[in-house]
Protein backbone atom coordinates (compact mmCIF):
# COMPACT_ATOMS: atom_id res chain seq x y z
CA MET A 1 60.19 64.69 115.02
CA LEU A 2 57.96 67.60 114.05
CA TYR A 3 57.62 68.61 117.70
CA LEU A 4 61.39 68.60 118.20
CA SER A 5 62.27 70.35 114.93
CA ARG A 6 59.34 72.78 114.59
CA PRO A 7 57.57 72.83 117.95
CA VAL A 8 55.46 75.95 117.51
CA ARG A 9 54.27 75.00 114.03
CA PHE A 10 53.41 71.49 115.25
CA LEU A 11 51.46 72.72 118.29
CA ASP A 12 49.61 75.25 116.13
CA SER A 13 48.53 72.49 113.75
CA CYS A 14 47.33 70.29 116.64
CA HIS A 15 45.40 73.21 118.10
CA ARG A 16 43.65 73.93 114.80
CA ARG A 17 42.83 70.28 114.21
CA TYR A 18 41.83 69.10 117.69
CA GLY A 19 40.73 72.24 119.56
CA LYS A 20 41.41 73.59 123.02
CA CYS A 21 42.57 70.28 124.57
CA PHE A 22 44.57 67.54 122.85
CA THR A 23 46.96 64.69 123.63
CA ILE A 24 50.44 64.18 122.20
CA LYS A 25 52.40 60.96 122.64
CA LEU A 26 56.15 61.54 122.37
CA PRO A 27 58.23 58.34 122.13
CA GLY A 28 60.74 58.20 124.94
CA LEU A 29 59.17 61.15 126.74
CA GLY A 30 55.61 60.12 127.47
CA THR A 31 52.01 61.22 126.95
CA TYR A 32 51.01 64.86 127.45
CA VAL A 33 47.64 66.57 127.53
CA PHE A 34 47.92 70.16 126.24
CA VAL A 35 45.40 72.69 127.53
CA THR A 36 44.64 76.18 126.12
CA ASP A 37 41.34 77.18 127.77
CA LEU A 38 41.94 79.92 130.35
CA ALA A 39 39.39 78.52 132.81
CA ASP A 40 41.14 75.15 132.74
CA ILE A 41 44.54 76.79 133.15
CA ARG A 42 43.33 78.81 136.14
CA THR A 43 42.07 75.60 137.76
CA ILE A 44 45.45 73.93 137.17
CA PHE A 45 47.43 76.84 138.60
CA ARG A 46 45.16 77.25 141.63
CA ASP A 47 45.31 73.62 142.74
CA PRO A 48 49.01 72.73 143.18
CA GLU A 49 48.15 69.74 145.36
CA THR A 50 46.31 68.01 142.50
CA PHE A 51 48.38 69.40 139.63
CA ARG A 52 51.94 68.86 140.86
CA ALA A 53 54.79 70.70 139.20
CA GLY A 54 57.60 69.12 141.22
CA GLU A 55 56.64 65.56 140.31
CA ALA A 56 56.25 66.49 136.65
CA ASN A 57 59.66 68.20 136.53
CA ALA A 58 61.47 65.48 138.46
CA ALA A 59 61.40 63.14 135.46
CA PHE A 60 63.74 65.52 133.63
CA GLY A 61 65.90 67.14 136.26
CA LYS A 62 66.25 65.19 139.51
CA ARG A 63 69.73 63.82 138.84
CA LEU A 64 71.19 67.21 138.00
CA LEU A 65 69.19 69.61 140.15
CA GLY A 66 69.04 67.52 143.32
CA SER A 67 66.09 66.31 145.38
CA THR A 68 65.57 69.62 147.24
CA SER A 69 65.45 71.88 144.17
CA VAL A 70 62.59 74.36 144.31
CA LEU A 71 61.62 73.13 140.82
CA LEU A 72 61.28 69.51 141.90
CA THR A 73 59.49 69.71 145.25
CA ASP A 74 55.79 69.98 146.07
CA GLY A 75 53.62 70.73 149.08
CA ALA A 76 55.11 71.96 152.36
CA ARG A 77 58.66 71.25 151.24
CA HIS A 78 58.26 73.45 148.19
CA ARG A 79 56.62 76.24 150.21
CA ARG A 80 59.55 76.24 152.64
CA GLN A 81 62.17 76.40 149.88
CA ARG A 82 60.32 79.13 148.05
CA ARG A 83 59.84 81.18 151.22
CA LEU A 84 63.57 81.01 151.99
CA MET A 85 64.48 82.05 148.45
CA MET A 86 61.96 84.84 147.95
CA PRO A 87 63.85 87.69 149.70
CA ALA A 88 66.66 87.37 147.16
CA PHE A 89 64.21 87.98 144.30
CA HIS A 90 62.18 90.88 145.65
CA GLY A 91 62.25 94.00 143.49
CA GLN A 92 64.63 95.94 145.74
CA SER A 93 67.06 93.03 145.95
CA VAL A 94 67.13 92.60 142.17
CA ALA A 95 67.47 96.35 141.56
CA ALA A 96 70.60 96.36 143.70
CA LEU A 97 72.24 93.99 141.22
CA ALA A 98 71.37 95.94 138.06
CA SER A 99 74.59 97.97 137.89
CA LEU A 100 76.71 94.81 138.07
CA MET A 101 74.58 93.25 135.32
CA ALA A 102 75.21 96.34 133.19
CA ASP A 103 78.98 96.19 133.77
CA ILE A 104 79.08 92.51 132.77
CA ALA A 105 77.10 93.20 129.59
CA ALA A 106 79.21 96.23 128.68
CA ARG A 107 82.47 94.30 128.90
CA ASP A 108 81.16 91.58 126.60
CA ILE A 109 79.65 93.99 124.06
CA GLU A 110 83.02 95.68 123.64
CA THR A 111 84.35 92.43 122.14
CA TRP A 112 81.63 92.09 119.48
CA PRO A 113 82.85 92.18 115.86
CA VAL A 114 81.87 95.18 113.76
CA GLY A 115 80.77 94.66 110.17
CA GLU A 116 80.56 90.88 110.45
CA THR A 117 77.42 88.76 110.71
CA PHE A 118 77.48 86.58 113.81
CA PRO A 119 74.97 84.64 115.97
CA VAL A 120 74.20 86.74 119.02
CA TRP A 121 72.66 83.90 121.03
CA PRO A 122 76.05 82.49 122.17
CA ARG A 123 77.01 86.02 123.27
CA MET A 124 73.83 86.27 125.32
CA ARG A 125 74.65 82.95 126.93
CA GLN A 126 78.11 84.24 127.90
CA ILE A 127 76.60 87.35 129.47
CA THR A 128 73.85 85.59 131.40
CA PHE A 129 76.25 82.91 132.64
CA GLU A 130 78.59 85.59 133.96
CA VAL A 131 75.63 87.31 135.63
CA ILE A 132 74.85 84.04 137.44
CA LEU A 133 78.45 83.72 138.64
CA ARG A 134 78.71 87.29 139.87
CA THR A 135 75.22 88.18 141.13
CA VAL A 136 73.83 84.78 142.17
CA ILE A 137 76.89 82.86 143.39
CA GLY A 138 78.71 86.04 144.35
CA ALA A 139 82.12 84.99 143.04
CA ASP A 140 84.51 87.90 142.54
CA ASP A 141 88.00 86.39 142.62
CA GLU A 142 89.34 85.75 139.11
CA GLU A 143 90.84 82.36 139.97
CA ARG A 144 87.57 81.14 141.46
CA LEU A 145 85.60 82.57 138.54
CA ALA A 146 87.83 80.70 136.09
CA GLY A 147 87.18 77.42 137.88
CA LEU A 148 83.41 77.99 137.87
CA ARG A 149 83.45 79.00 134.19
CA GLU A 150 85.22 75.76 133.37
CA SER A 151 83.18 73.32 135.46
CA LEU A 152 79.58 74.54 135.68
CA PRO A 153 78.65 74.48 131.96
CA LYS A 154 79.84 70.88 131.75
CA LEU A 155 77.66 69.93 134.71
CA ALA A 156 74.62 71.61 133.14
CA ASN A 157 75.20 69.75 129.87
CA ARG A 158 75.25 66.43 131.76
CA TRP A 159 71.52 66.90 132.40
CA PHE A 160 70.98 66.29 128.74
CA GLY A 161 73.31 63.41 128.13
CA ALA A 162 77.00 64.16 128.43
CA LYS A 163 77.93 62.92 131.91
CA THR A 164 80.92 61.81 133.85
CA ARG A 165 81.49 61.36 137.53
CA GLU A 166 84.55 63.59 137.31
CA ILE A 167 82.53 66.49 135.85
CA GLU A 168 79.97 66.17 138.60
CA GLN A 169 82.57 66.00 141.35
CA ARG A 170 84.54 69.00 140.09
CA ALA A 171 81.46 71.18 139.66
CA ASN A 172 80.05 70.22 143.04
CA ALA A 173 83.41 70.83 144.70
CA ALA A 174 83.52 74.34 143.22
CA LEU A 175 79.96 75.09 144.33
CA TYR A 176 80.41 73.73 147.84
CA ALA A 177 83.59 75.80 148.18
CA GLU A 178 81.60 78.94 147.29
CA ILE A 179 78.84 77.99 149.72
CA THR A 180 81.31 77.41 152.58
CA ARG A 181 83.13 80.63 151.79
CA CYS A 182 79.84 82.50 151.82
CA MET A 183 78.56 80.98 155.08
CA ASP A 184 81.90 81.70 156.80
CA ASP A 185 82.19 85.26 155.43
CA PRO A 186 82.33 87.73 158.34
CA ALA A 187 80.76 90.29 155.99
CA LEU A 188 77.85 87.99 155.10
CA ASP A 189 75.27 90.50 156.31
CA GLN A 190 76.62 93.15 153.92
CA ARG A 191 76.58 90.96 150.80
CA ASN A 192 73.74 91.39 148.29
CA ASP A 193 74.32 88.37 146.04
CA VAL A 194 71.57 85.74 145.88
CA LEU A 195 73.63 83.03 147.60
CA ALA A 196 74.30 85.27 150.59
CA MET A 197 70.64 86.19 150.90
CA MET A 198 69.61 82.54 150.77
CA ALA A 199 72.26 81.67 153.37
CA ARG A 200 70.91 84.37 155.70
CA ALA A 201 67.25 83.38 155.26
CA ARG A 202 65.43 81.58 158.06
CA GLY A 203 62.20 79.61 158.01
CA GLU A 204 59.29 80.04 160.38
CA ASP A 205 60.94 77.53 162.71
CA GLY A 206 64.25 79.40 162.58
CA SER A 207 65.94 76.83 160.37
CA ALA A 208 68.28 77.75 157.52
CA MET A 209 69.04 75.94 154.27
CA THR A 210 71.67 73.25 154.51
CA ARG A 211 74.74 73.26 152.28
CA ASP A 212 73.10 70.56 150.13
CA GLU A 213 69.93 72.61 149.79
CA LEU A 214 71.93 75.69 148.81
CA ARG A 215 73.81 73.65 146.21
CA ASP A 216 70.54 72.39 144.70
CA GLN A 217 69.10 75.90 144.46
CA LEU A 218 72.28 77.28 142.86
CA ILE A 219 72.23 74.59 140.16
CA THR A 220 68.52 75.24 139.64
CA LEU A 221 69.12 78.96 139.18
CA LEU A 222 71.98 78.25 136.81
CA VAL A 223 69.97 75.88 134.62
CA ALA A 224 66.61 77.67 134.80
CA GLY A 225 67.92 81.23 134.80
CA HIS A 226 70.95 81.26 132.52
CA GLU A 227 69.91 79.55 129.27
CA THR A 228 66.30 80.79 129.41
CA THR A 229 67.20 84.46 129.85
CA ALA A 230 69.88 84.23 127.17
CA THR A 231 67.36 82.74 124.75
CA GLY A 232 64.81 85.46 125.53
CA LEU A 233 67.45 88.11 124.83
CA ALA A 234 68.40 86.45 121.53
CA TRP A 235 64.76 86.49 120.46
CA ALA A 236 64.41 90.16 121.43
CA LEU A 237 67.33 91.11 119.18
CA GLU A 238 66.11 88.79 116.40
CA ARG A 239 62.76 90.61 116.46
CA LEU A 240 64.20 94.12 116.72
CA VAL A 241 66.46 93.90 113.65
CA ARG A 242 63.40 92.91 111.59
CA HIS A 243 61.36 95.89 112.78
CA PRO A 244 63.34 99.10 112.02
CA GLN A 245 60.82 101.53 113.49
CA VAL A 246 60.56 99.57 116.73
CA LEU A 247 64.35 99.31 116.86
CA ALA A 248 64.75 103.07 116.43
CA ARG A 249 62.26 103.74 119.22
CA THR A 250 63.96 101.18 121.45
CA GLN A 251 67.33 102.87 120.85
CA ARG A 252 65.84 106.18 121.95
CA ALA A 253 64.38 104.50 125.02
CA ALA A 254 67.80 103.06 125.87
CA ARG A 255 69.46 106.43 125.43
CA ASP A 256 66.79 108.33 127.39
CA GLY A 257 66.40 105.84 130.22
CA ASP A 258 62.81 104.97 129.25
CA ASP A 259 62.61 101.69 131.15
CA ARG A 260 58.86 101.44 130.60
CA TYR A 261 59.33 100.98 126.86
CA LEU A 262 62.26 98.59 127.34
CA ASP A 263 60.04 96.52 129.63
CA ALA A 264 57.38 96.54 126.89
CA ILE A 265 59.98 95.12 124.47
CA VAL A 266 60.76 92.35 126.96
CA ALA A 267 57.08 91.58 127.57
CA GLU A 268 56.21 91.47 123.86
CA THR A 269 59.25 89.33 123.04
CA LEU A 270 58.29 86.80 125.70
CA ARG A 271 54.72 86.84 124.40
CA VAL A 272 55.40 86.30 120.71
CA ARG A 273 58.51 84.13 121.24
CA PRO A 274 58.15 82.45 124.66
CA VAL A 275 61.25 80.49 125.63
CA ILE A 276 59.25 77.43 126.69
CA THR A 277 56.14 76.16 124.92
CA ASP A 278 54.36 74.90 128.04
CA VAL A 279 54.66 73.99 131.70
CA ASN A 280 54.18 70.49 133.11
CA ARG A 281 51.85 69.36 135.88
CA LYS A 282 51.33 65.75 137.04
CA LEU A 283 48.00 64.69 138.44
CA SER A 284 48.25 63.34 142.00
CA ARG A 285 44.64 62.10 141.74
CA PRO A 286 41.99 61.83 139.02
CA ALA A 287 40.70 65.21 137.85
CA GLU A 288 38.40 66.67 135.22
CA VAL A 289 40.16 68.85 132.66
CA SER A 290 38.32 70.47 129.75
CA GLY A 291 35.46 68.01 130.10
CA TYR A 292 37.64 64.89 130.28
CA LEU A 293 38.23 62.80 133.39
CA LEU A 294 41.98 62.19 133.47
CA PRO A 295 43.57 59.49 135.66
CA ALA A 296 46.20 60.10 138.31
CA GLY A 297 49.68 60.25 136.82
CA THR A 298 48.61 62.12 133.68
CA ILE A 299 50.90 64.99 132.64
CA VAL A 300 48.86 68.11 131.87
CA ASN A 301 50.50 71.03 130.05
CA PRO A 302 49.10 74.58 130.03
CA ALA A 303 50.21 75.60 126.53
CA ILE A 304 51.95 78.96 126.92
CA THR A 305 52.71 79.38 123.22
CA LEU A 306 49.16 78.70 122.07
CA VAL A 307 47.53 80.95 124.68
CA GLN A 308 49.83 83.83 123.76
CA ARG A 309 49.17 83.36 120.02
CA ASP A 310 45.38 83.44 120.46
CA ALA A 311 43.67 86.32 118.61
CA GLY A 312 40.99 86.30 121.31
CA HIS A 313 43.60 87.57 123.77
CA TYR A 314 45.87 89.56 121.44
CA PRO A 315 44.71 91.21 118.19
CA GLN A 316 47.07 90.28 115.34
CA PRO A 317 48.83 87.86 117.67
CA LEU A 318 51.75 87.04 115.35
CA ALA A 319 52.74 90.70 114.98
CA PHE A 320 55.62 92.07 117.07
CA ASP A 321 53.93 95.07 118.70
CA PRO A 322 55.46 96.30 121.99
CA ASP A 323 52.78 99.01 122.19
CA ARG A 324 50.52 96.29 123.60
CA PHE A 325 52.42 96.72 126.86
CA ALA A 326 53.72 100.31 126.59
CA SER A 327 50.92 101.72 128.74
CA GLN A 328 49.74 98.65 130.65
CA SER A 329 51.25 95.64 132.33
CA PRO A 330 50.68 92.15 130.89
CA ASP A 331 47.54 90.35 132.05
CA PRO A 332 48.71 87.32 134.08
CA ASP A 333 45.68 85.34 132.87
CA HIS A 334 47.03 85.07 129.33
CA TRP A 335 50.66 86.29 129.54
CA LEU A 336 52.37 83.16 130.82
CA PRO A 337 56.08 83.03 129.88
CA PHE A 338 56.93 82.45 133.56
CA GLY A 339 54.01 80.11 134.25
CA GLY A 340 51.41 81.04 136.84
CA GLY A 341 49.90 80.49 140.24
CA ASN A 342 52.07 79.78 143.27
CA ARG A 343 54.55 77.98 140.98
CA ARG A 344 55.18 81.04 138.83
CA CYS A 345 58.91 81.31 138.17
CA LEU A 346 60.59 82.67 141.28
CA GLY A 347 63.18 84.47 139.15
CA ALA A 348 60.69 86.26 136.87
CA ALA A 349 61.58 89.74 138.15
CA PHE A 350 65.30 88.92 138.03
CA ALA A 351 65.06 87.73 134.41
CA SER A 352 62.97 90.71 133.33
CA VAL A 353 65.38 93.21 134.87
CA GLU A 354 68.37 91.39 133.40
CA MET A 355 66.81 91.44 129.92
CA ARG A 356 66.04 95.16 130.20
CA VAL A 357 69.52 96.02 131.46
CA VAL A 358 71.35 93.95 128.82
CA LEU A 359 69.21 95.33 125.97
CA ARG A 360 69.83 98.86 127.20
CA GLU A 361 73.59 98.32 127.24
CA ILE A 362 73.58 96.78 123.75
CA LEU A 363 71.58 99.62 122.21
CA ARG A 364 73.66 102.28 123.94
CA ARG A 365 76.92 100.83 122.72
CA VAL A 366 76.40 99.44 119.20
CA GLU A 367 74.22 100.17 116.19
CA LEU A 368 72.46 97.09 114.88
CA GLN A 369 71.91 96.59 111.16
CA THR A 370 68.32 95.76 110.31
CA THR A 371 67.39 93.04 107.84
CA ALA A 372 64.57 92.13 105.46
CA SER A 373 65.31 88.41 105.77
CA ARG A 374 62.62 86.05 107.01
CA GLY A 375 62.44 85.65 110.77
CA GLU A 376 64.31 82.72 112.25
CA ARG A 377 62.10 79.77 113.02
CA PRO A 378 61.80 78.39 116.56
CA LYS A 379 63.66 75.13 117.22
CA MET A 380 63.95 72.99 120.32
CA HIS A 381 67.19 73.35 122.28
CA LEU A 382 67.26 71.30 125.46
CA VAL A 383 63.80 72.18 126.86
CA MET A 384 63.70 75.64 125.29
CA VAL A 385 62.66 77.16 121.98
CA ALA A 386 65.52 79.10 120.37
CA PRO A 387 66.20 80.88 117.04
CA HIS A 388 67.32 78.17 114.62
CA LYS A 389 70.32 80.17 113.33
CA GLY A 390 71.28 81.58 116.70
CA ALA A 391 69.82 85.05 115.97
CA LEU A 392 72.21 86.20 113.24
CA MET A 393 72.95 89.91 113.12
CA THR A 394 75.51 92.55 112.20
CA VAL A 395 76.84 95.43 114.26
CA ARG A 396 77.30 98.42 111.93
CA ARG A 397 79.37 100.52 114.30
CA ARG A 398 80.12 101.20 117.91
CA VAL A 399 78.32 104.13 119.52
CA PRO A 400 80.16 106.40 121.98
CA ALA A 401 78.42 106.42 125.34
CA GLY A 402 75.56 108.92 125.46
CA SER A 403 75.63 109.74 121.74
CA ILE A 404 73.18 107.30 120.17
CA PRO A 405 71.64 109.31 117.33
CA ALA A 406 67.87 109.41 117.01
CA GLY A 407 66.70 107.46 113.99
CA SER A 408 70.02 105.64 113.65
CA THR A 409 68.38 102.98 111.51
CA ALA A 410 68.05 105.46 108.65
CA GLY A 411 68.52 103.76 105.32
CA ALA A 412 67.50 100.38 106.69
CA PRO A 413 64.76 98.32 105.04
CA SER A 414 61.29 99.58 105.85
CA THR A 415 59.52 96.22 105.56
CA VAL A 416 60.42 92.75 106.67
CA ARG A 417 58.86 89.34 106.44
CA ALA A 418 57.75 87.87 109.77
């Protein structure tokens, strides 16, 4: 119960009591070995044949994501799927979608209430879901978009309990219709949405993804890329309104087009408030981890949260300090919000760009009221760690485009409690 209600606090207490490697038994979920030593984590990430991510993830997502999902496969099958998907997530491909992401965010921000306190997390979920529909699936017809908006969230929720055959059939019908429409599109070569790029991709043997494979990857991107990015954005805003000086500097960066500082905000948010506490690997054979010989079948978890809260890697690790990354990129050895090794999240660049673009649009269009209230505690939501009140905040006023005043947090509290 402690893990589900206060996951970070619980893991911190286990780390202090038991050290760099400890076991947690969760009724109904299984037994997990958490690892924090960087040498052990490097070994885990560098040996995907022994430490299998697909097998570990399959216990949670096979029914929803499908057997060919890039999250649930291992070995040669995983390498093929990843290779076919990679062109859609290269930097240039993602950059081409940034303006559409900005338009989607801008339309939603215009509907935000002014002068009323509201949870921003649901708003972030609306924005990131629409980004998936428009930039990943490539839907642009309003009737088709309405059908996807109605059916896909229900299918995603079925992963975690609410399920009916009708929901599954309707969502799959909508997705397969989009896949067929895409594959038959005479302008397929000119499209830059992720689905089109996956449909065009060919393996080393010249083979393309089947319609079933494309469906599985679309659902995977929806589940893994929509809720997680929305939660990261909610945490970024939750942190900013409690740090007036950082907020003021971030507003200037948004106004001036300083993407480097906006990227630092994203990196520091995902460090101090990672969306997932750990990643799962299942041993395909016995292996030594942190001095212990573990049997095949053991689930081993590199503990993202604990690594990123370690003072040995980050001075004053609980402080929200984007300057850590303002002049240098995160070190992939101990900055792990997207995992690591050859299983590092395929959509990491997509999520980072989306977070930067959405934050920029928010700070260009509204002025956020800062607060001295205690920071919201992390709580488990599905498999993610989210702000327990949904990241409550207040928009003080709308800002005309291009006229964000420097120091617009004047009069706001100068100190906050973490």
